[in-house]
Amino acid sequence: MRPVVACHCVECRRATGHHVAATAAPRDSVTIAGEVRWFVSSPGVRRGFCPVCGSNLFWDRTGSERIAIFAGSLDTPTDLRLVGHIFVAEKGDYYEITDGLPQAPQGGADRIAEES
């Protein structure tokens, strides 16, 4: 799995109530046990959630070879680490990002992860 990247875009903040921290994995290496419900959140993007508890689990772009997995949904220990922030130009006005990790004004999760 790719290292964790925090997304501060408006869509992620509205869908979760704060920013999203997600890893990603090649689609063909992910096995889903149990039921996942999908919500089309914007053109070409769907979000997967648990129909029992409502937990956000996935972010999935049509045609992508990878699927984003919300890091907080994984059992520990994950052996993953947060390596940066994307869409910081859209972050909420109620918090600051002070961890010293790289920040991108817009997207670029894979680029930030590769540079870590």
C-alpha atoms as a PDB file:
ATOM      1  CA  MET A   1       0.000   0.000   0.000  1.00  0.00           C
ATOM      2  CA  ARG A   2       1.029   3.564  -0.651  1.00  0.00           C
ATOM      3  CA  PRO A   3       1.923   5.740   2.360  1.00  0.00           C
ATOM      4  CA  VAL A   4      -0.951   7.752   3.836  1.00  0.00           C
ATOM      5  CA  VAL A   5      -1.784  11.175   2.395  1.00  0.00           C
ATOM      6  CA  ALA A   6      -4.276  13.584   3.982  1.00  0.00           C
ATOM      7  CA  CYS A   7      -6.768  15.196   1.617  1.00  0.00           C
ATOM      8  CA  HIS A   8      -8.263  18.520   2.700  1.00  0.00           C
ATOM      9  CA  CYS A   9     -10.534  19.106  -0.329  1.00  0.00           C
ATOM     10  CA  VAL A  10     -14.064  20.366   0.169  1.00  0.00           C
ATOM     11  CA  GLU A  11     -15.615  17.063  -0.953  1.00  0.00           C
ATOM     12  CA  CYS A  12     -13.587  14.971   1.534  1.00  0.00           C
ATOM     13  CA  ARG A  13     -14.266  17.408   4.366  1.00  0.00           C
ATOM     14  CA  ARG A  14     -18.005  17.373   3.693  1.00  0.00           C
ATOM     15  CA  ALA A  15     -18.156  13.589   3.298  1.00  0.00           C
ATOM     16  CA  THR A  16     -16.286  12.890   6.548  1.00  0.00           C
ATOM     17  CA  GLY A  17     -16.595  15.978   8.719  1.00  0.00           C
ATOM     18  CA  HIS A  18     -12.841  16.660   8.537  1.00  0.00           C
ATOM     19  CA  HIS A  19      -9.983  15.748   6.214  1.00  0.00           C
ATOM     20  CA  VAL A  20      -9.422  12.239   4.891  1.00  0.00           C
ATOM     21  CA  ALA A  21      -6.279  10.212   5.583  1.00  0.00           C
ATOM     22  CA  ALA A  22      -5.984   7.507   2.940  1.00  0.00           C
ATOM     23  CA  THR A  23      -3.602   4.974   1.554  1.00  0.00           C
ATOM     24  CA  ALA A  24      -4.082   3.350  -1.855  1.00  0.00           C
ATOM     25  CA  ALA A  25      -3.471  -0.047  -3.367  1.00  0.00           C
ATOM     26  CA  PRO A  26      -3.651  -1.608  -6.815  1.00  0.00           C
ATOM     27  CA  ARG A  27      -7.283  -2.468  -7.456  1.00  0.00           C
ATOM     28  CA  ASP A  28      -6.495  -6.095  -8.315  1.00  0.00           C
ATOM     29  CA  SER A  29      -4.734  -6.609  -4.966  1.00  0.00           C
ATOM     30  CA  VAL A  30      -7.718  -5.516  -2.851  1.00  0.00           C
ATOM     31  CA  THR A  31     -10.156  -8.127  -1.582  1.00  0.00           C
ATOM     32  CA  ILE A  32     -13.361  -6.861  -0.003  1.00  0.00           C
ATOM     33  CA  ALA A  33     -15.022  -9.178   2.512  1.00  0.00           C
ATOM     34  CA  GLY A  34     -18.589  -8.240   3.336  1.00  0.00           C
ATOM     35  CA  GLU A  35     -20.899  -5.709   1.763  1.00  0.00           C
ATOM     36  CA  VAL A  36     -19.880  -2.259   0.613  1.00  0.00           C
ATOM     37  CA  ARG A  37     -22.370   0.322  -0.621  1.00  0.00           C
ATOM     38  CA  TRP A  38     -21.247   2.916  -3.130  1.00  0.00           C
ATOM     39  CA  PHE A  39     -22.250   6.561  -3.477  1.00  0.00           C
ATOM     40  CA  VAL A  40     -21.377   8.555  -6.611  1.00  0.00           C
ATOM     41  CA  SER A  41     -20.042  11.741  -5.037  1.00  0.00           C
ATOM     42  CA  SER A  42     -18.956  13.537  -8.209  1.00  0.00           C
ATOM     43  CA  PRO A  43     -18.582  12.652 -11.905  1.00  0.00           C
ATOM     44  CA  GLY A  44     -16.266   9.655 -12.205  1.00  0.00           C
ATOM     45  CA  VAL A  45     -15.838   9.237  -8.437  1.00  0.00           C
ATOM     46  CA  ARG A  46     -17.588   7.002  -5.965  1.00  0.00           C
ATOM     47  CA  ARG A  47     -17.158   6.526  -2.236  1.00  0.00           C
ATOM     48  CA  GLY A  48     -17.583   3.150  -0.559  1.00  0.00           C
ATOM     49  CA  PHE A  49     -19.073   2.804   2.906  1.00  0.00           C
ATOM     50  CA  CYS A  50     -20.225   0.091   5.297  1.00  0.00           C
ATOM     51  CA  PRO A  51     -24.023  -0.313   5.151  1.00  0.00           C
ATOM     52  CA  VAL A  52     -24.113  -1.539   8.762  1.00  0.00           C
ATOM     53  CA  CYS A  53     -22.203   1.179  10.618  1.00  0.00           C
ATOM     54  CA  GLY A  54     -21.844   3.869   7.931  1.00  0.00           C
ATOM     55  CA  SER A  55     -18.038   4.020   8.095  1.00  0.00           C
ATOM     56  CA  ASN A  56     -16.311   5.570   5.095  1.00  0.00           C
ATOM     57  CA  LEU A  57     -13.994   2.977   3.591  1.00  0.00           C
ATOM     58  CA  PHE A  58     -12.982   3.785  -0.004  1.00  0.00           C
ATOM     59  CA  TRP A  59     -12.557   6.521  -2.581  1.00  0.00           C
ATOM     60  CA  ASP A  60     -12.642   5.174  -6.125  1.00  0.00           C
ATOM     61  CA  ARG A  61     -12.029   7.016  -9.404  1.00  0.00           C
ATOM     62  CA  THR A  62     -13.422   5.391 -12.567  1.00  0.00           C
ATOM     63  CA  GLY A  63     -10.633   3.928 -14.695  1.00  0.00           C
ATOM     64  CA  SER A  64      -7.937   4.178 -12.033  1.00  0.00           C
ATOM     65  CA  GLU A  65      -5.669   1.211 -11.443  1.00  0.00           C
ATOM     66  CA  ARG A  66      -5.665   2.021  -7.706  1.00  0.00           C
ATOM     67  CA  ILE A  67      -8.336   2.381  -5.061  1.00  0.00           C
ATOM     68  CA  ALA A  68      -7.949   4.689  -2.060  1.00  0.00           C
ATOM     69  CA  ILE A  69      -8.540   3.079   1.329  1.00  0.00           C
ATOM     70  CA  PHE A  70      -9.320   5.241   4.363  1.00  0.00           C
ATOM     71  CA  ALA A  71      -6.454   4.576   6.762  1.00  0.00           C
ATOM     72  CA  GLY A  72      -8.638   4.801   9.852  1.00  0.00           C
ATOM     73  CA  SER A  73     -10.637   1.788   8.648  1.00  0.00           C
ATOM     74  CA  LEU A  74      -7.625  -0.546   8.712  1.00  0.00           C
ATOM     75  CA  ASP A  75      -6.775  -2.821  11.618  1.00  0.00           C
ATOM     76  CA  THR A  76      -3.576  -1.920  13.436  1.00  0.00           C
ATOM     77  CA  PRO A  77      -0.682  -2.205  13.228  1.00  0.00           C
ATOM     78  CA  THR A  78      -0.741  -0.906   9.646  1.00  0.00           C
ATOM     79  CA  ASP A  79       2.983  -0.109   9.322  1.00  0.00           C
ATOM     80  CA  LEU A  80       1.889   2.952   7.328  1.00  0.00           C
ATOM     81  CA  ARG A  81       2.756   6.588   7.938  1.00  0.00           C
ATOM     82  CA  LEU A  82       1.374   9.967   6.960  1.00  0.00           C
ATOM     83  CA  VAL A  83       3.676  11.589   4.381  1.00  0.00           C
ATOM     84  CA  GLY A  84       1.890  14.753   3.289  1.00  0.00           C
ATOM     85  CA  HIS A  85      -1.222  16.796   2.584  1.00  0.00           C
ATOM     86  CA  ILE A  86      -3.097  17.601  -0.623  1.00  0.00           C
ATOM     87  CA  PHE A  87      -5.718  20.209  -1.506  1.00  0.00           C
ATOM     88  CA  VAL A  88      -4.527  22.409   1.351  1.00  0.00           C
ATOM     89  CA  ALA A  89      -5.872  25.457  -0.530  1.00  0.00           C
ATOM     90  CA  GLU A  90      -9.343  24.089   0.336  1.00  0.00           C
ATOM     91  CA  LYS A  91      -8.691  23.139   3.974  1.00  0.00           C
ATOM     92  CA  GLY A  92     -11.072  24.196   6.694  1.00  0.00           C
ATOM     93  CA  ASP A  93     -10.476  27.531   8.375  1.00  0.00           C
ATOM     94  CA  TYR A  94     -10.758  25.994  11.841  1.00  0.00           C
ATOM     95  CA  TYR A  95      -7.393  24.182  11.894  1.00  0.00           C
ATOM     96  CA  GLU A  96      -3.746  24.565  10.917  1.00  0.00           C
ATOM     97  CA  ILE A  97      -1.424  21.961   9.447  1.00  0.00           C
ATOM     98  CA  THR A  98       1.665  22.078  11.651  1.00  0.00           C
ATOM     99  CA  ASP A  99       3.287  18.657  11.276  1.00  0.00           C
ATOM    100  CA  GLY A 100       5.991  19.876   8.852  1.00  0.00           C
ATOM    101  CA  LEU A 101       5.047  17.379   6.134  1.00  0.00           C
ATOM    102  CA  PRO A 102       4.869  18.419   2.456  1.00  0.00           C
ATOM    103  CA  GLN A 103       1.748  20.308   1.423  1.00  0.00           C
ATOM    104  CA  ALA A 104       0.287  20.632  -2.073  1.00  0.00           C
ATOM    105  CA  PRO A 105      -2.243  23.389  -2.820  1.00  0.00           C
ATOM    106  CA  GLN A 106      -4.189  20.981  -5.074  1.00  0.00           C
ATOM    107  CA  GLY A 107      -3.875  17.225  -5.793  1.00  0.00           C
ATOM    108  CA  GLY A 108      -0.844  15.031  -6.139  1.00  0.00           C
ATOM    109  CA  ALA A 109      -1.198  12.228  -3.590  1.00  0.00           C
ATOM    110  CA  ASP A 110       0.918   9.781  -5.595  1.00  0.00           C
ATOM    111  CA  ARG A 111       3.631  12.411  -6.177  1.00  0.00           C
ATOM    112  CA  ILE A 112       3.831  13.249  -2.456  1.00  0.00           C
ATOM    113  CA  ALA A 113       3.903   9.544  -1.571  1.00  0.00           C
ATOM    114  CA  GLU A 114       6.673   8.843  -4.101  1.00  0.00           C
ATOM    115  CA  GLU A 115       8.797  11.713  -2.773  1.00  0.00           C
ATOM    116  CA  SER A 116       8.593  10.461   0.828  1.00  0.00           C
END
